[in-house]
């Protein structure tokens, strides 16, 4: 038997033993407090990021580049993965989770600056990110190092995803939209694995955010105020 599959199944057996009784209250429905849109990077452990181990608490979506939109014949719309809990389970908080060193942001940067030849499925994802990141690439500080450029654009990408949701008529006005960056590369001032709030409902000014949300002011931090 494939050793990777065996290891996954062993891990699931442990999970089933631990979680057996935790599904009693959510077997017939769900009302998650938040929906998160994370990058599908293997280093971003979606539930563990929040210390969550309760089924039914967080509705998790993942894709490369933590994109909140999908492309249709009528243009870009809010992704159904994200929209479902907002429309059908009463979820009132959306959290867009970028992360340092994002591969999708890196690939988009490289595509915009040098051009890339990727398989069609990856190209489709980059095509959605490209028009939103291109102004950010053009606005990068002169002479910035590549690693810093990528992490500047990680924030910029989170901002664009939040902006799309805030401006969309599909997201009710009373739904809060928060943008954060998960750091495991010592880019921000906290510990590895900490989430840093960079955007709330389209507001990106750090001082204004800290004044508006004093209870989390130590977790509000940006690398780039453009």
Protein backbone atom coordinates (compact mmCIF):
# COMPACT_ATOMS: atom_id res chain seq x y z
CA UNK A 1 0.00 0.00 0.00
CA UNK A 2 1.15 3.53 -0.71
CA UNK A 3 2.90 4.74 2.45
CA UNK A 4 1.51 8.25 2.11
CA UNK A 5 -2.04 6.93 2.01
CA UNK A 6 -1.34 4.62 4.95
CA UNK A 7 -0.03 7.57 6.96
CA UNK A 8 -3.09 9.66 6.07
CA UNK A 9 -5.45 6.87 7.11
CA UNK A 10 -3.58 6.39 10.39
CA UNK A 11 -3.96 10.08 11.08
CA UNK A 12 -7.65 9.90 10.25
CA UNK A 13 -8.09 7.01 12.69
CA UNK A 14 -6.68 9.21 15.44
CA UNK A 15 -8.96 12.03 14.33
CA UNK A 16 -12.04 9.80 14.38
CA UNK A 17 -11.28 8.60 17.90
CA UNK A 18 -10.85 12.15 19.16
CA UNK A 19 -13.78 13.71 17.31
CA UNK A 20 -16.37 10.92 17.52
CA UNK A 21 -18.70 12.84 19.86
CA UNK A 22 -18.00 16.33 18.53
CA UNK A 23 -20.40 15.98 15.60
CA UNK A 24 -23.51 15.43 17.73
CA UNK A 25 -24.69 19.04 17.46
CA UNK A 26 -23.85 19.60 13.79
CA UNK A 27 -24.89 16.38 12.09
CA UNK A 28 -28.00 17.95 10.60
CA UNK A 29 -26.76 21.45 9.76
CA UNK A 30 -24.20 24.15 10.23
CA UNK A 31 -24.03 27.81 11.24
CA UNK A 32 -20.34 28.69 11.06
CA UNK A 33 -19.38 32.04 12.58
CA UNK A 34 -16.83 32.76 9.86
CA UNK A 35 -15.87 31.73 6.35
CA UNK A 36 -12.16 31.84 5.59
CA UNK A 37 -10.58 32.00 2.16
CA UNK A 38 -7.03 30.71 2.52
CA UNK A 39 -4.28 29.89 0.12
CA UNK A 40 -4.16 26.14 -0.39
CA UNK A 41 -0.43 26.16 0.42
CA UNK A 42 0.38 23.09 2.54
CA UNK A 43 2.05 25.30 5.16
CA UNK A 44 -1.20 27.11 5.96
CA UNK A 45 -3.13 24.82 8.32
CA UNK A 46 -6.53 26.39 7.99
CA UNK A 47 -8.28 25.35 11.20
CA UNK A 48 -5.10 25.23 13.24
CA UNK A 49 -4.37 28.86 12.32
CA UNK A 50 -7.25 29.79 14.62
CA UNK A 51 -6.72 27.05 17.18
CA UNK A 52 -10.05 25.63 16.03
CA UNK A 53 -10.97 22.01 16.65
CA UNK A 54 -14.76 22.30 16.72
CA UNK A 55 -16.71 21.05 13.69
CA UNK A 56 -19.17 23.65 12.48
CA UNK A 57 -17.22 26.72 13.63
CA UNK A 58 -15.33 27.77 10.50
CA UNK A 59 -16.31 27.27 6.87
CA UNK A 60 -13.00 26.87 5.03
CA UNK A 61 -12.25 27.57 1.38
CA UNK A 62 -8.85 27.26 -0.23
CA UNK A 63 -7.25 27.95 -3.60
CA UNK A 64 -3.90 29.19 -4.84
CA UNK A 65 -3.69 32.91 -4.20
CA UNK A 66 -6.65 33.05 -1.75
CA UNK A 67 -8.93 34.29 -4.54
CA UNK A 68 -12.49 35.31 -3.66
CA UNK A 69 -13.78 35.46 -7.21
CA UNK A 70 -14.43 33.05 -10.03
CA UNK A 71 -14.60 33.82 -13.73
CA UNK A 72 -17.88 33.36 -15.59
CA UNK A 73 -19.25 34.29 -19.00
CA UNK A 74 -20.69 37.40 -17.33
CA UNK A 75 -17.39 38.41 -15.77
CA UNK A 76 -15.85 37.86 -12.35
CA UNK A 77 -18.27 37.06 -9.54
CA UNK A 78 -17.92 36.16 -5.87
CA UNK A 79 -16.83 32.54 -5.62
CA UNK A 80 -19.69 30.20 -4.81
CA UNK A 81 -17.48 28.44 -2.26
CA UNK A 82 -17.35 31.63 -0.22
CA UNK A 83 -20.83 32.86 -1.03
CA UNK A 84 -22.59 29.68 0.06
CA UNK A 85 -22.17 30.10 3.85
CA UNK A 86 -22.97 33.83 3.61
CA UNK A 87 -26.15 33.14 1.65
CA UNK A 88 -27.33 29.95 3.35
CA UNK A 89 -25.89 29.50 6.85
CA UNK A 90 -26.03 32.98 8.36
CA UNK A 91 -22.27 33.54 8.32
CA UNK A 92 -21.50 37.22 8.88
CA UNK A 93 -17.69 37.33 8.86
CA UNK A 94 -15.42 36.69 5.88
CA UNK A 95 -11.67 36.41 6.45
CA UNK A 96 -9.29 36.52 3.49
CA UNK A 97 -6.05 34.82 4.55
CA UNK A 98 -2.90 35.57 2.57
CA UNK A 99 0.49 34.27 3.66
CA UNK A 100 4.11 35.27 3.39
CA UNK A 101 6.02 33.83 0.47
CA UNK A 102 2.84 32.96 -1.44
CA UNK A 103 3.63 30.85 -4.50
CA UNK A 104 0.64 32.08 -6.51
CA UNK A 105 1.59 35.72 -5.89
CA UNK A 106 5.19 34.87 -6.79
CA UNK A 107 4.09 33.20 -10.02
CA UNK A 108 1.88 36.16 -10.92
CA UNK A 109 4.76 38.55 -10.23
CA UNK A 110 7.06 36.49 -12.43
CA UNK A 111 4.42 36.28 -15.16
CA UNK A 112 3.97 40.05 -15.12
CA UNK A 113 7.69 40.78 -15.15
CA UNK A 114 9.19 37.97 -17.23
CA UNK A 115 6.35 35.79 -18.53
CA UNK A 116 5.65 32.19 -17.59
CA UNK A 117 4.64 29.03 -19.40
CA UNK A 118 2.31 27.14 -17.06
CA UNK A 119 -0.31 24.41 -17.61
CA UNK A 120 -3.76 25.70 -18.52
CA UNK A 121 -5.27 25.18 -15.08
CA UNK A 122 -2.57 27.24 -13.38
CA UNK A 123 -2.72 29.87 -16.10
CA UNK A 124 -6.45 30.24 -15.47
CA UNK A 125 -5.77 31.02 -11.79
CA UNK A 126 -2.98 33.46 -12.61
CA UNK A 127 -5.20 35.15 -15.19
CA UNK A 128 -7.63 36.04 -12.40
CA UNK A 129 -4.87 37.42 -10.18
CA UNK A 130 -2.89 39.20 -12.89
CA UNK A 131 -5.11 42.26 -13.53
CA UNK A 132 -5.47 42.85 -9.80
CA UNK A 133 -1.77 42.58 -9.02
CA UNK A 134 -0.41 44.44 -12.04
CA UNK A 135 -0.94 47.93 -10.52
CA UNK A 136 0.78 46.70 -7.38
CA UNK A 137 3.81 45.51 -9.33
CA UNK A 138 4.02 48.91 -11.01
CA UNK A 139 3.80 50.67 -7.63
CA UNK A 140 6.55 48.67 -5.90
CA UNK A 141 9.32 50.80 -4.38
CA UNK A 142 12.33 51.32 -6.62
CA UNK A 143 15.10 48.78 -6.05
CA UNK A 144 13.10 46.55 -3.72
CA UNK A 145 14.50 43.06 -3.19
CA UNK A 146 12.55 40.20 -4.75
CA UNK A 147 11.51 38.60 -1.43
CA UNK A 148 10.25 41.91 -0.09
CA UNK A 149 8.45 42.60 -3.36
CA UNK A 150 6.56 39.31 -3.06
CA UNK A 151 5.50 40.01 0.52
CA UNK A 152 4.43 43.54 -0.38
CA UNK A 153 2.27 42.01 -3.10
CA UNK A 154 0.86 39.43 -0.67
CA UNK A 155 -0.68 42.33 1.26
CA UNK A 156 -1.71 44.03 -1.96
CA UNK A 157 -3.45 40.87 -3.12
CA UNK A 158 -5.34 40.54 0.17
CA UNK A 159 -6.45 44.16 -0.23
CA UNK A 160 -7.75 43.51 -3.74
CA UNK A 161 -9.70 40.44 -2.63
CA UNK A 162 -11.26 42.37 0.26
CA UNK A 163 -12.04 45.25 -2.08
CA UNK A 164 -13.84 42.94 -4.48
CA UNK A 165 -16.05 41.59 -1.68
CA UNK A 166 -16.79 44.99 -0.15
CA UNK A 167 -17.83 46.36 -3.54
CA UNK A 168 -19.89 43.32 -4.53
CA UNK A 169 -23.67 43.51 -4.31
CA UNK A 170 -23.64 39.77 -3.53
CA UNK A 171 -22.15 40.38 -0.07
CA UNK A 172 -24.65 42.01 2.33
CA UNK A 173 -23.55 45.29 3.90
CA UNK A 174 -23.73 43.81 7.40
CA UNK A 175 -21.17 41.10 6.60
CA UNK A 176 -17.72 42.00 7.90
CA UNK A 177 -14.77 41.42 5.58
CA UNK A 178 -11.31 41.13 7.11
CA UNK A 179 -7.96 40.71 5.38
CA UNK A 180 -5.04 39.09 7.18
CA UNK A 181 -1.58 37.74 6.44
CA UNK A 182 -0.31 34.51 8.03
CA UNK A 183 3.42 34.74 8.65
CA UNK A 184 5.79 31.80 8.98
CA UNK A 185 8.86 33.53 7.53
CA UNK A 186 9.70 36.15 10.19
CA UNK A 187 8.42 38.97 8.00
CA UNK A 188 6.20 40.62 10.61
CA UNK A 189 7.00 41.43 14.22
CA UNK A 190 5.21 38.51 15.87
CA UNK A 191 5.87 34.82 16.23
CA UNK A 192 5.92 32.41 13.32
CA UNK A 193 2.38 31.28 12.68
CA UNK A 194 0.74 34.53 13.79
CA UNK A 195 -1.97 36.20 11.76
CA UNK A 196 -1.64 39.95 11.21
CA UNK A 197 -4.70 42.04 10.38
CA UNK A 198 -4.03 44.29 7.38
CA UNK A 199 -7.51 45.28 6.21
CA UNK A 200 -10.99 45.58 7.71
CA UNK A 201 -13.89 46.31 5.37
CA UNK A 202 -11.55 48.08 2.97
CA UNK A 203 -9.75 50.22 5.56
CA UNK A 204 -5.97 49.74 5.40
CA UNK A 205 -4.61 52.65 7.44
CA UNK A 206 -2.90 51.07 10.44
CA UNK A 207 -3.46 53.97 12.84
CA UNK A 208 -7.14 54.22 11.96
CA UNK A 209 -7.59 50.48 12.33
CA UNK A 210 -5.85 50.44 15.70
CA UNK A 211 -8.01 53.32 16.91
CA UNK A 212 -11.16 51.58 15.69
CA UNK A 213 -10.23 48.17 17.11
CA UNK A 214 -8.16 48.81 20.27
CA UNK A 215 -8.79 45.30 21.59
CA UNK A 216 -6.70 43.84 18.74
CA UNK A 217 -4.37 46.78 18.10
CA UNK A 218 -1.25 44.67 18.68
CA UNK A 219 -2.32 42.32 15.87
CA UNK A 220 -2.81 45.08 13.29
CA UNK A 221 0.31 45.51 11.19
CA UNK A 222 1.21 46.17 7.56
CA UNK A 223 4.41 45.92 5.55
CA UNK A 224 3.23 48.28 2.82
CA UNK A 225 1.12 51.41 3.00
CA UNK A 226 0.96 52.51 -0.63
